[in-house]
């Protein structure tokens, strides 16, 4: 029987969630399977992968074929690298201690890389939040100035309208007085 390591889709529309399963190659995508070895959630950033490492390694060593996506996931988690090191040990190129040290070094480097990505994502999210808050503060300040400008000119316009009326009255009064003097002088 040909076995495959593949993904079984679950979840809802536009929110997929996958089970990583060992299934007969002839079985339907979401049909009968032999063993579930893990889960894969691509909705998170970085994607969440939970896998039973020992069982996955066992199935890879027994010759289970992998789909492209399953191969990428197993490579990401180090199952294929561990399989490569174990084959080297079986051929006599490496000892068991060398295999373990190489794999632990690789795993530590991978964890550091993932942690750095998570830190960068959280920093980028924080920077975006600060930018949004700064932009919102600018908009609020502009609105406050607009409201202040709208309220302030109305008071000034009223005062200015009263001032020209007083000036016009003072200008007309001397002219009227001067006209009376001319009439009186005649």
C-alpha atoms as a PDB file:
ATOM      1  CA  UNK A   1       0.000   0.000   0.000  1.00  0.00           C
ATOM      2  CA  UNK A   2       1.402   3.406  -1.010  1.00  0.00           C
ATOM      3  CA  UNK A   3       1.236   5.860   1.870  1.00  0.00           C
ATOM      4  CA  UNK A   4       1.391   9.607   1.633  1.00  0.00           C
ATOM      5  CA  UNK A   5       2.015  12.362   4.099  1.00  0.00           C
ATOM      6  CA  UNK A   6      -0.451  15.079   3.162  1.00  0.00           C
ATOM      7  CA  UNK A   7      -2.749  17.783   4.451  1.00  0.00           C
ATOM      8  CA  UNK A   8      -6.398  17.326   5.283  1.00  0.00           C
ATOM      9  CA  UNK A   9      -8.364  20.582   5.076  1.00  0.00           C
ATOM     10  CA  UNK A  10     -10.606  21.663   7.935  1.00  0.00           C
ATOM     11  CA  UNK A  11     -11.883  25.049   9.092  1.00  0.00           C
ATOM     12  CA  UNK A  12     -14.304  27.359   7.349  1.00  0.00           C
ATOM     13  CA  UNK A  13     -14.291  29.391   4.161  1.00  0.00           C
ATOM     14  CA  UNK A  14     -11.212  31.577   3.828  1.00  0.00           C
ATOM     15  CA  UNK A  15      -9.981  30.330   7.234  1.00  0.00           C
ATOM     16  CA  UNK A  16      -8.303  26.986   6.505  1.00  0.00           C
ATOM     17  CA  UNK A  17      -6.883  24.749   9.175  1.00  0.00           C
ATOM     18  CA  UNK A  18      -5.050  21.582   8.188  1.00  0.00           C
ATOM     19  CA  UNK A  19      -4.349  18.232   9.796  1.00  0.00           C
ATOM     20  CA  UNK A  20      -1.121  16.575   8.696  1.00  0.00           C
ATOM     21  CA  UNK A  21      -2.014  12.933   8.142  1.00  0.00           C
ATOM     22  CA  UNK A  22      -0.633   9.670   6.840  1.00  0.00           C
ATOM     23  CA  UNK A  23      -3.125   8.298   4.317  1.00  0.00           C
ATOM     24  CA  UNK A  24      -3.400   5.754   1.554  1.00  0.00           C
ATOM     25  CA  UNK A  25      -2.566   7.463  -1.743  1.00  0.00           C
ATOM     26  CA  UNK A  26      -5.934   6.358  -3.173  1.00  0.00           C
ATOM     27  CA  UNK A  27      -8.013   7.852  -0.327  1.00  0.00           C
ATOM     28  CA  UNK A  28      -9.911  11.127  -0.760  1.00  0.00           C
ATOM     29  CA  UNK A  29      -8.272  14.351   0.394  1.00  0.00           C
ATOM     30  CA  UNK A  30     -10.480  14.696   3.486  1.00  0.00           C
ATOM     31  CA  UNK A  31     -11.310  11.019   3.709  1.00  0.00           C
ATOM     32  CA  UNK A  32      -9.973   8.037   5.595  1.00  0.00           C
ATOM     33  CA  UNK A  33      -6.440   8.265   7.008  1.00  0.00           C
ATOM     34  CA  UNK A  34      -4.042   5.963   8.819  1.00  0.00           C
ATOM     35  CA  UNK A  35      -2.608   8.344  11.412  1.00  0.00           C
ATOM     36  CA  UNK A  36      -2.751  12.039  12.290  1.00  0.00           C
ATOM     37  CA  UNK A  37       0.736  13.344  13.026  1.00  0.00           C
ATOM     38  CA  UNK A  38       0.111  17.069  13.452  1.00  0.00           C
ATOM     39  CA  UNK A  39      -1.686  20.281  12.570  1.00  0.00           C
ATOM     40  CA  UNK A  40      -0.888  23.341  10.448  1.00  0.00           C
ATOM     41  CA  UNK A  41      -2.544  26.738  10.859  1.00  0.00           C
ATOM     42  CA  UNK A  42      -1.569  29.195   8.083  1.00  0.00           C
ATOM     43  CA  UNK A  43      -3.832  31.952   9.484  1.00  0.00           C
ATOM     44  CA  UNK A  44      -1.281  33.055  12.073  1.00  0.00           C
ATOM     45  CA  UNK A  45       1.936  34.917  11.355  1.00  0.00           C
ATOM     46  CA  UNK A  46       4.265  33.023  11.436  1.00  0.00           C
ATOM     47  CA  UNK A  47       2.218  29.916  10.681  1.00  0.00           C
ATOM     48  CA  UNK A  48       1.582  27.586  13.618  1.00  0.00           C
ATOM     49  CA  UNK A  49       2.802  24.020  13.115  1.00  0.00           C
ATOM     50  CA  UNK A  50       2.357  21.330  15.761  1.00  0.00           C
ATOM     51  CA  UNK A  51       3.793  17.979  14.784  1.00  0.00           C
ATOM     52  CA  UNK A  52       4.666  14.682  16.452  1.00  0.00           C
ATOM     53  CA  UNK A  53       8.325  14.744  15.455  1.00  0.00           C
ATOM     54  CA  UNK A  54       9.149  11.111  16.211  1.00  0.00           C
ATOM     55  CA  UNK A  55       6.148   9.706  14.342  1.00  0.00           C
ATOM     56  CA  UNK A  56       6.788  11.959  11.344  1.00  0.00           C
ATOM     57  CA  UNK A  57      10.445  10.882  11.280  1.00  0.00           C
ATOM     58  CA  UNK A  58       9.386   7.228  11.515  1.00  0.00           C
ATOM     59  CA  UNK A  59       7.027   7.592   8.536  1.00  0.00           C
ATOM     60  CA  UNK A  60       9.649   9.412   6.467  1.00  0.00           C
ATOM     61  CA  UNK A  61      12.171   6.650   7.245  1.00  0.00           C
ATOM     62  CA  UNK A  62       9.689   3.945   6.227  1.00  0.00           C
ATOM     63  CA  UNK A  63       9.279   5.573   2.830  1.00  0.00           C
ATOM     64  CA  UNK A  64       6.020   7.503   2.961  1.00  0.00           C
ATOM     65  CA  UNK A  65       5.730   9.889   0.016  1.00  0.00           C
ATOM     66  CA  UNK A  66       5.089  13.567   0.765  1.00  0.00           C
ATOM     67  CA  UNK A  67       3.085  16.195  -1.032  1.00  0.00           C
ATOM     68  CA  UNK A  68       4.973  19.394  -1.820  1.00  0.00           C
ATOM     69  CA  UNK A  69       3.359  21.318   1.026  1.00  0.00           C
ATOM     70  CA  UNK A  70       3.880  18.471   3.503  1.00  0.00           C
ATOM     71  CA  UNK A  71       7.535  18.265   2.423  1.00  0.00           C
ATOM     72  CA  UNK A  72       7.950  22.013   3.031  1.00  0.00           C
ATOM     73  CA  UNK A  73       6.356  21.732   6.481  1.00  0.00           C
ATOM     74  CA  UNK A  74       8.479  18.739   7.499  1.00  0.00           C
ATOM     75  CA  UNK A  75      11.599  20.488   6.219  1.00  0.00           C
ATOM     76  CA  UNK A  76      10.672  23.619   8.193  1.00  0.00           C
ATOM     77  CA  UNK A  77      10.328  21.598  11.394  1.00  0.00           C
ATOM     78  CA  UNK A  78      13.592  19.690  10.749  1.00  0.00           C
ATOM     79  CA  UNK A  79      12.229  16.201  10.170  1.00  0.00           C
ATOM     80  CA  UNK A  80      13.942  15.876   6.780  1.00  0.00           C
ATOM     81  CA  UNK A  81      17.245  17.230   8.151  1.00  0.00           C
ATOM     82  CA  UNK A  82      17.143  14.741  11.029  1.00  0.00           C
ATOM     83  CA  UNK A  83      16.389  11.948   8.531  1.00  0.00           C
ATOM     84  CA  UNK A  84      19.409  13.043   6.475  1.00  0.00           C
ATOM     85  CA  UNK A  85      21.662  13.002   9.551  1.00  0.00           C
ATOM     86  CA  UNK A  86      20.374   9.575  10.630  1.00  0.00           C
ATOM     87  CA  UNK A  87      21.116   8.164   7.176  1.00  0.00           C
ATOM     88  CA  UNK A  88      24.648   9.573   7.477  1.00  0.00           C
ATOM     89  CA  UNK A  89      24.983   7.868  10.839  1.00  0.00           C
ATOM     90  CA  UNK A  90      23.818   4.539   9.360  1.00  0.00           C
ATOM     91  CA  UNK A  91      26.458   4.831   6.628  1.00  0.00           C
ATOM     92  CA  UNK A  92      29.133   5.494   9.241  1.00  0.00           C
ATOM     93  CA  UNK A  93      29.895   9.090   8.278  1.00  0.00           C
ATOM     94  CA  UNK A  94      28.663  10.469  11.616  1.00  0.00           C
ATOM     95  CA  UNK A  95      28.373   9.312  15.189  1.00  0.00           C
ATOM     96  CA  UNK A  96      25.206   9.615  17.236  1.00  0.00           C
ATOM     97  CA  UNK A  97      26.671  12.481  19.289  1.00  0.00           C
ATOM     98  CA  UNK A  98      27.568  14.394  16.114  1.00  0.00           C
ATOM     99  CA  UNK A  99      24.052  13.889  14.791  1.00  0.00           C
ATOM    100  CA  UNK A 100      22.533  15.239  17.995  1.00  0.00           C
ATOM    101  CA  UNK A 101      24.879  18.250  18.213  1.00  0.00           C
ATOM    102  CA  UNK A 102      24.344  19.194  14.549  1.00  0.00           C
ATOM    103  CA  UNK A 103      20.596  18.879  14.883  1.00  0.00           C
ATOM    104  CA  UNK A 104      20.522  20.879  18.143  1.00  0.00           C
ATOM    105  CA  UNK A 105      22.627  23.645  16.561  1.00  0.00           C
ATOM    106  CA  UNK A 106      20.299  23.763  13.558  1.00  0.00           C
ATOM    107  CA  UNK A 107      17.256  23.820  15.829  1.00  0.00           C
ATOM    108  CA  UNK A 108      18.685  26.662  17.954  1.00  0.00           C
ATOM    109  CA  UNK A 109      19.426  28.715  14.829  1.00  0.00           C
ATOM    110  CA  UNK A 110      15.901  28.072  13.537  1.00  0.00           C
ATOM    111  CA  UNK A 111      14.334  29.143  16.855  1.00  0.00           C
ATOM    112  CA  UNK A 112      16.432  32.327  16.857  1.00  0.00           C
ATOM    113  CA  UNK A 113      15.244  33.108  13.343  1.00  0.00           C
ATOM    114  CA  UNK A 114      11.591  32.561  14.288  1.00  0.00           C
ATOM    115  CA  UNK A 115      11.957  34.674  17.437  1.00  0.00           C
ATOM    116  CA  UNK A 116      13.556  37.469  15.410  1.00  0.00           C
ATOM    117  CA  UNK A 117      10.652  37.382  12.957  1.00  0.00           C
ATOM    118  CA  UNK A 118       8.109  37.538  15.771  1.00  0.00           C
ATOM    119  CA  UNK A 119       9.977  40.474  17.340  1.00  0.00           C
ATOM    120  CA  UNK A 120      10.090  42.318  14.020  1.00  0.00           C
ATOM    121  CA  UNK A 121       6.381  41.737  13.490  1.00  0.00           C
ATOM    122  CA  UNK A 122       5.498  43.022  16.950  1.00  0.00           C
ATOM    123  CA  UNK A 123       7.794  46.031  16.473  1.00  0.00           C
ATOM    124  CA  UNK A 124       6.220  46.798  13.086  1.00  0.00           C
ATOM    125  CA  UNK A 125       2.768  46.508  14.630  1.00  0.00           C
ATOM    126  CA  UNK A 126       3.773  48.872  17.446  1.00  0.00           C
ATOM    127  CA  UNK A 127       5.239  51.384  14.959  1.00  0.00           C
ATOM    128  CA  UNK A 128       2.059  51.258  12.879  1.00  0.00           C
ATOM    129  CA  UNK A 129      -0.001  51.897  16.001  1.00  0.00           C
ATOM    130  CA  UNK A 130       2.175  54.890  16.941  1.00  0.00           C
ATOM    131  CA  UNK A 131       1.863  56.306  13.405  1.00  0.00           C
ATOM    132  CA  UNK A 132      -1.931  55.937  13.495  1.00  0.00           C
ATOM    133  CA  UNK A 133      -2.086  57.667  16.876  1.00  0.00           C
ATOM    134  CA  UNK A 134       0.154  60.514  15.645  1.00  0.00           C
ATOM    135  CA  UNK A 135      -1.961  60.945  12.509  1.00  0.00           C
ATOM    136  CA  UNK A 136      -5.112  60.946  14.609  1.00  0.00           C
ATOM    137  CA  UNK A 137      -3.620  63.562  16.948  1.00  0.00           C
ATOM    138  CA  UNK A 138      -2.792  65.768  13.922  1.00  0.00           C
ATOM    139  CA  UNK A 139      -6.335  65.405  12.588  1.00  0.00           C
ATOM    140  CA  UNK A 140      -7.769  66.272  16.004  1.00  0.00           C
ATOM    141  CA  UNK A 141      -5.523  69.348  16.253  1.00  0.00           C
ATOM    142  CA  UNK A 142      -6.569  70.465  12.766  1.00  0.00           C
ATOM    143  CA  UNK A 143     -10.219  70.012  13.675  1.00  0.00           C
ATOM    144  CA  UNK A 144      -9.741  71.991  16.888  1.00  0.00           C
ATOM    145  CA  UNK A 145      -8.094  74.839  14.940  1.00  0.00           C
ATOM    146  CA  UNK A 146     -10.896  74.777  12.376  1.00  0.00           C
ATOM    147  CA  UNK A 147     -13.534  74.975  15.097  1.00  0.00           C
ATOM    148  CA  UNK A 148     -11.607  77.732  16.857  1.00  0.00           C
ATOM    149  CA  UNK A 149     -11.221  79.641  13.588  1.00  0.00           C
ATOM    150  CA  UNK A 150     -14.901  79.196  12.821  1.00  0.00           C
ATOM    151  CA  UNK A 151     -15.944  80.511  16.226  1.00  0.00           C
ATOM    152  CA  UNK A 152     -13.386  83.346  16.474  1.00  0.00           C
ATOM    153  CA  UNK A 153     -14.118  85.229  13.180  1.00  0.00           C
ATOM    154  CA  UNK A 154     -17.829  85.502  13.968  1.00  0.00           C
ATOM    155  CA  UNK A 155     -17.058  87.509  17.109  1.00  0.00           C
ATOM    156  CA  UNK A 156     -14.508  89.690  15.258  1.00  0.00           C
ATOM    157  CA  UNK A 157     -16.898  90.277  12.356  1.00  0.00           C
ATOM    158  CA  UNK A 158     -19.573  91.489  14.742  1.00  0.00           C
ATOM    159  CA  UNK A 159     -17.120  93.909  16.395  1.00  0.00           C
ATOM    160  CA  UNK A 160     -15.821  95.106  13.014  1.00  0.00           C
ATOM    161  CA  UNK A 161     -19.359  95.697  11.764  1.00  0.00           C
ATOM    162  CA  UNK A 162     -20.105  97.918  14.765  1.00  0.00           C
ATOM    163  CA  UNK A 163     -16.850  99.913  14.387  1.00  0.00           C
ATOM    164  CA  UNK A 164     -17.465 101.154  10.795  1.00  0.00           C
ATOM    165  CA  UNK A 165     -20.986 102.264  11.738  1.00  0.00           C
ATOM    166  CA  UNK A 166     -19.556 104.432  14.521  1.00  0.00           C
ATOM    167  CA  UNK A 167     -16.913 105.865  12.178  1.00  0.00           C
ATOM    168  CA  UNK A 168     -19.531 106.688   9.555  1.00  0.00           C
ATOM    169  CA  UNK A 169     -21.625 108.515  12.170  1.00  0.00           C
ATOM    170  CA  UNK A 170     -18.646 110.621  13.296  1.00  0.00           C
ATOM    171  CA  UNK A 171     -17.767 111.473   9.694  1.00  0.00           C
ATOM    172  CA  UNK A 172     -21.315 112.578   8.886  1.00  0.00           C
ATOM    173  CA  UNK A 173     -21.679 114.645  12.041  1.00  0.00           C
ATOM    174  CA  UNK A 174     -18.826 117.100  11.302  1.00  0.00           C
ATOM    175  CA  UNK A 175     -20.028 117.542   7.765  1.00  0.00           C
ATOM    176  CA  UNK A 176     -23.490 118.341   9.025  1.00  0.00           C
ATOM    177  CA  UNK A 177     -22.079 120.761  11.550  1.00  0.00           C
ATOM    178  CA  UNK A 178     -19.981 122.432   8.876  1.00  0.00           C
ATOM    179  CA  UNK A 179     -23.047 122.798   6.694  1.00  0.00           C
ATOM    180  CA  UNK A 180     -24.935 124.537   9.474  1.00  0.00           C
ATOM    181  CA  UNK A 181     -22.072 126.937   9.989  1.00  0.00           C
ATOM    182  CA  UNK A 182     -22.118 127.853   6.337  1.00  0.00           C
ATOM    183  CA  UNK A 183     -25.822 128.444   6.471  1.00  0.00           C
ATOM    184  CA  UNK A 184     -25.476 130.543   9.583  1.00  0.00           C
ATOM    185  CA  UNK A 185     -22.686 132.593   8.041  1.00  0.00           C
ATOM    186  CA  UNK A 186     -24.836 133.649   5.168  1.00  0.00           C
END
